[in-house]
Amino acid sequence: MLRVLIMAIAILLIQSTAQPASAQGSQEYSVASVPMSEEQKVQKLIEYVRTLEGATFIRNNSEFAPEKAAEHLSSKWEKHGSKVKTAEGFVTKLASESSSGTPYSIRFADGTTSTTRDVLLRRLSTLVVQ
């Protein structure tokens, strides 16, 4: 009889210690799955441009380092961000071309060149999936 009582207590103790751990795990999961705001996505895109090592940003036939390109995009976001509602809007309306309509482009370290619009839309699609 004593053996059954000890087993019952052991089972209750194991169950009580296991429940908080699993509950805590589900809380961590729900926090990790909170989607990024549009503002956060835009900031991630700007930071991505800033960290394009060896790349050259081409705006109005002038070449700029990634840091300067990021500063320019950040400035456009600060000045005109209220005109767009989404990170995609930021890319298509603010970060893709100059006010004269000339498209921006990025020449990567390997020599390939793409429009800034294409590069940022591809990058945005990876942020949405995460």
C-alpha atoms as a PDB file:
ATOM      1  CA  MET A   1       0.000   0.000   0.000  1.00  0.00           C
ATOM      2  CA  LEU A   2       2.805   2.372   0.853  1.00  0.00           C
ATOM      3  CA  ARG A   3       4.412   1.633  -2.507  1.00  0.00           C
ATOM      4  CA  VAL A   4       1.187   2.644  -4.377  1.00  0.00           C
ATOM      5  CA  LEU A   5       0.971   5.875  -2.369  1.00  0.00           C
ATOM      6  CA  ILE A   6       4.596   6.761  -3.177  1.00  0.00           C
ATOM      7  CA  MET A   7       4.000   6.036  -6.893  1.00  0.00           C
ATOM      8  CA  ALA A   8       0.899   8.239  -6.908  1.00  0.00           C
ATOM      9  CA  ILE A   9       2.784  11.122  -5.289  1.00  0.00           C
ATOM     10  CA  ALA A  10       5.655  10.697  -7.742  1.00  0.00           C
ATOM     11  CA  ILE A  11       3.260  10.823 -10.701  1.00  0.00           C
ATOM     12  CA  LEU A  12       1.578  13.971  -9.349  1.00  0.00           C
ATOM     13  CA  LEU A  13       4.948  15.656  -8.838  1.00  0.00           C
ATOM     14  CA  ILE A  14       6.102  14.802 -12.348  1.00  0.00           C
ATOM     15  CA  GLN A  15       2.855  16.132 -13.852  1.00  0.00           C
ATOM     16  CA  SER A  16       2.957  19.373 -11.856  1.00  0.00           C
ATOM     17  CA  THR A  17       6.549  20.147 -12.878  1.00  0.00           C
ATOM     18  CA  ALA A  18       5.943  19.275 -16.538  1.00  0.00           C
ATOM     19  CA  GLN A  19       2.942  21.568 -16.976  1.00  0.00           C
ATOM     20  CA  PRO A  20       4.665  24.916 -16.320  1.00  0.00           C
ATOM     21  CA  ALA A  21       7.466  23.999 -18.725  1.00  0.00           C
ATOM     22  CA  SER A  22       5.062  23.213 -21.550  1.00  0.00           C
ATOM     23  CA  ALA A  23       2.961  26.284 -20.793  1.00  0.00           C
ATOM     24  CA  GLN A  24       6.085  28.425 -20.817  1.00  0.00           C
ATOM     25  CA  GLY A  25       7.129  26.923 -24.151  1.00  0.00           C
ATOM     26  CA  SER A  26       3.829  27.842 -25.750  1.00  0.00           C
ATOM     27  CA  GLN A  27       4.166  31.415 -24.474  1.00  0.00           C
ATOM     28  CA  GLU A  28       7.613  31.677 -26.028  1.00  0.00           C
ATOM     29  CA  TYR A  29       6.234  30.358 -29.306  1.00  0.00           C
ATOM     30  CA  SER A  30       3.420  32.901 -29.416  1.00  0.00           C
ATOM     31  CA  VAL A  31       5.837  35.775 -28.737  1.00  0.00           C
ATOM     32  CA  ALA A  32       8.202  34.548 -31.462  1.00  0.00           C
ATOM     33  CA  SER A  33       5.383  34.342 -33.997  1.00  0.00           C
ATOM     34  CA  VAL A  34       4.267  37.969 -33.632  1.00  0.00           C
ATOM     35  CA  PRO A  35       4.435  39.455 -37.136  1.00  0.00           C
ATOM     36  CA  MET A  36       6.644  42.471 -37.831  1.00  0.00           C
ATOM     37  CA  SER A  37       4.975  45.832 -38.236  1.00  0.00           C
ATOM     38  CA  GLU A  38       5.274  47.597 -41.586  1.00  0.00           C
ATOM     39  CA  GLU A  39       7.622  50.104 -39.937  1.00  0.00           C
ATOM     40  CA  GLN A  40       9.861  47.262 -38.751  1.00  0.00           C
ATOM     41  CA  LYS A  41       9.897  45.753 -42.236  1.00  0.00           C
ATOM     42  CA  VAL A  42      10.949  49.087 -43.746  1.00  0.00           C
ATOM     43  CA  GLN A  43      13.718  49.437 -41.167  1.00  0.00           C
ATOM     44  CA  LYS A  44      14.916  45.897 -41.961  1.00  0.00           C
ATOM     45  CA  LEU A  45      15.003  46.752 -45.684  1.00  0.00           C
ATOM     46  CA  ILE A  46      17.007  49.914 -45.059  1.00  0.00           C
ATOM     47  CA  GLU A  47      19.403  47.986 -42.827  1.00  0.00           C
ATOM     48  CA  TYR A  48      19.742  45.337 -45.534  1.00  0.00           C
ATOM     49  CA  VAL A  49      20.862  48.012 -48.019  1.00  0.00           C
ATOM     50  CA  ARG A  50      23.291  49.401 -45.430  1.00  0.00           C
ATOM     51  CA  THR A  51      24.959  45.998 -45.056  1.00  0.00           C
ATOM     52  CA  LEU A  52      25.392  45.132 -48.760  1.00  0.00           C
ATOM     53  CA  GLU A  53      29.139  44.721 -48.594  1.00  0.00           C
ATOM     54  CA  GLY A  54      30.930  45.618 -51.816  1.00  0.00           C
ATOM     55  CA  ALA A  55      27.743  46.843 -53.494  1.00  0.00           C
ATOM     56  CA  THR A  56      27.201  50.177 -55.225  1.00  0.00           C
ATOM     57  CA  PHE A  57      23.887  52.022 -55.185  1.00  0.00           C
ATOM     58  CA  ILE A  58      23.206  53.926 -58.421  1.00  0.00           C
ATOM     59  CA  ARG A  59      20.926  56.947 -58.246  1.00  0.00           C
ATOM     60  CA  ASN A  60      20.604  59.503 -61.050  1.00  0.00           C
ATOM     61  CA  ASN A  61      23.759  58.131 -62.739  1.00  0.00           C
ATOM     62  CA  SER A  62      25.800  58.687 -59.568  1.00  0.00           C
ATOM     63  CA  GLU A  63      27.295  55.923 -57.468  1.00  0.00           C
ATOM     64  CA  PHE A  64      26.957  55.678 -53.693  1.00  0.00           C
ATOM     65  CA  ALA A  65      28.199  53.353 -50.974  1.00  0.00           C
ATOM     66  CA  PRO A  66      25.571  51.233 -49.201  1.00  0.00           C
ATOM     67  CA  GLU A  67      25.747  53.454 -46.089  1.00  0.00           C
ATOM     68  CA  LYS A  68      24.869  56.557 -48.139  1.00  0.00           C
ATOM     69  CA  ALA A  69      22.127  54.658 -49.963  1.00  0.00           C
ATOM     70  CA  ALA A  70      20.612  53.615 -46.644  1.00  0.00           C
ATOM     71  CA  GLU A  71      20.763  57.199 -45.395  1.00  0.00           C
ATOM     72  CA  HIS A  72      18.989  58.357 -48.547  1.00  0.00           C
ATOM     73  CA  LEU A  73      16.250  55.719 -48.241  1.00  0.00           C
ATOM     74  CA  SER A  74      15.840  56.486 -44.557  1.00  0.00           C
ATOM     75  CA  SER A  75      15.485  60.173 -45.365  1.00  0.00           C
ATOM     76  CA  LYS A  76      12.830  59.442 -47.995  1.00  0.00           C
ATOM     77  CA  TRP A  77      10.974  57.259 -45.476  1.00  0.00           C
ATOM     78  CA  GLU A  78      11.077  60.020 -42.852  1.00  0.00           C
ATOM     79  CA  LYS A  79       9.878  62.702 -45.291  1.00  0.00           C
ATOM     80  CA  HIS A  80       7.291  60.734 -47.258  1.00  0.00           C
ATOM     81  CA  GLY A  81       6.468  57.660 -45.172  1.00  0.00           C
ATOM     82  CA  SER A  82       3.040  58.997 -44.309  1.00  0.00           C
ATOM     83  CA  LYS A  83       2.102  58.642 -47.988  1.00  0.00           C
ATOM     84  CA  VAL A  84       2.497  54.857 -47.956  1.00  0.00           C
ATOM     85  CA  LYS A  85       0.847  52.289 -45.712  1.00  0.00           C
ATOM     86  CA  THR A  86       3.045  49.228 -46.211  1.00  0.00           C
ATOM     87  CA  ALA A  87       6.650  48.159 -46.634  1.00  0.00           C
ATOM     88  CA  GLU A  88       5.765  47.167 -50.191  1.00  0.00           C
ATOM     89  CA  GLY A  89       4.498  50.705 -50.745  1.00  0.00           C
ATOM     90  CA  PHE A  90       7.786  52.022 -49.412  1.00  0.00           C
ATOM     91  CA  VAL A  91       9.654  49.913 -51.967  1.00  0.00           C
ATOM     92  CA  THR A  92       7.445  50.705 -54.958  1.00  0.00           C
ATOM     93  CA  LYS A  93       6.752  54.370 -54.265  1.00  0.00           C
ATOM     94  CA  LEU A  94       9.814  55.671 -52.415  1.00  0.00           C
ATOM     95  CA  ALA A  95      12.788  53.327 -52.715  1.00  0.00           C
ATOM     96  CA  SER A  96      12.634  52.421 -56.412  1.00  0.00           C
ATOM     97  CA  GLU A  97      13.217  55.636 -58.296  1.00  0.00           C
ATOM     98  CA  SER A  98      14.151  59.280 -58.053  1.00  0.00           C
ATOM     99  CA  SER A  99      11.604  62.062 -58.178  1.00  0.00           C
ATOM    100  CA  SER A 100      12.452  62.414 -61.892  1.00  0.00           C
ATOM    101  CA  GLY A 101      11.343  58.800 -62.432  1.00  0.00           C
ATOM    102  CA  THR A 102      14.836  57.391 -63.002  1.00  0.00           C
ATOM    103  CA  PRO A 103      15.025  53.900 -61.470  1.00  0.00           C
ATOM    104  CA  TYR A 104      17.559  53.202 -58.732  1.00  0.00           C
ATOM    105  CA  SER A 105      19.771  50.168 -59.121  1.00  0.00           C
ATOM    106  CA  ILE A 106      22.289  48.186 -57.141  1.00  0.00           C
ATOM    107  CA  ARG A 107      25.504  46.753 -58.558  1.00  0.00           C
ATOM    108  CA  PHE A 108      26.614  43.890 -56.356  1.00  0.00           C
ATOM    109  CA  ALA A 109      30.177  42.907 -55.487  1.00  0.00           C
ATOM    110  CA  ASP A 110      30.036  40.153 -58.119  1.00  0.00           C
ATOM    111  CA  GLY A 111      29.281  42.746 -60.838  1.00  0.00           C
ATOM    112  CA  THR A 112      25.607  41.885 -61.369  1.00  0.00           C
ATOM    113  CA  THR A 113      23.143  44.750 -61.364  1.00  0.00           C
ATOM    114  CA  SER A 114      19.450  44.764 -60.447  1.00  0.00           C
ATOM    115  CA  THR A 115      16.885  47.446 -59.899  1.00  0.00           C
ATOM    116  CA  THR A 116      16.523  48.448 -56.283  1.00  0.00           C
ATOM    117  CA  ARG A 117      12.827  47.674 -56.635  1.00  0.00           C
ATOM    118  CA  ASP A 118      13.492  44.019 -57.534  1.00  0.00           C
ATOM    119  CA  VAL A 119      16.150  43.599 -54.850  1.00  0.00           C
ATOM    120  CA  LEU A 120      13.997  45.051 -52.083  1.00  0.00           C
ATOM    121  CA  LEU A 121      10.833  43.221 -53.114  1.00  0.00           C
ATOM    122  CA  ARG A 122      12.761  39.926 -53.052  1.00  0.00           C
ATOM    123  CA  ARG A 123      14.157  40.796 -49.637  1.00  0.00           C
ATOM    124  CA  LEU A 124      10.713  41.819 -48.385  1.00  0.00           C
ATOM    125  CA  SER A 125       9.298  38.458 -49.402  1.00  0.00           C
ATOM    126  CA  THR A 126      11.833  36.756 -47.117  1.00  0.00           C
ATOM    127  CA  LEU A 127      10.822  39.015 -44.210  1.00  0.00           C
ATOM    128  CA  VAL A 128       7.158  38.152 -44.656  1.00  0.00           C
ATOM    129  CA  VAL A 129       7.895  34.421 -44.554  1.00  0.00           C
ATOM    130  CA  GLN A 130       9.989  34.559 -41.369  1.00  0.00           C
END
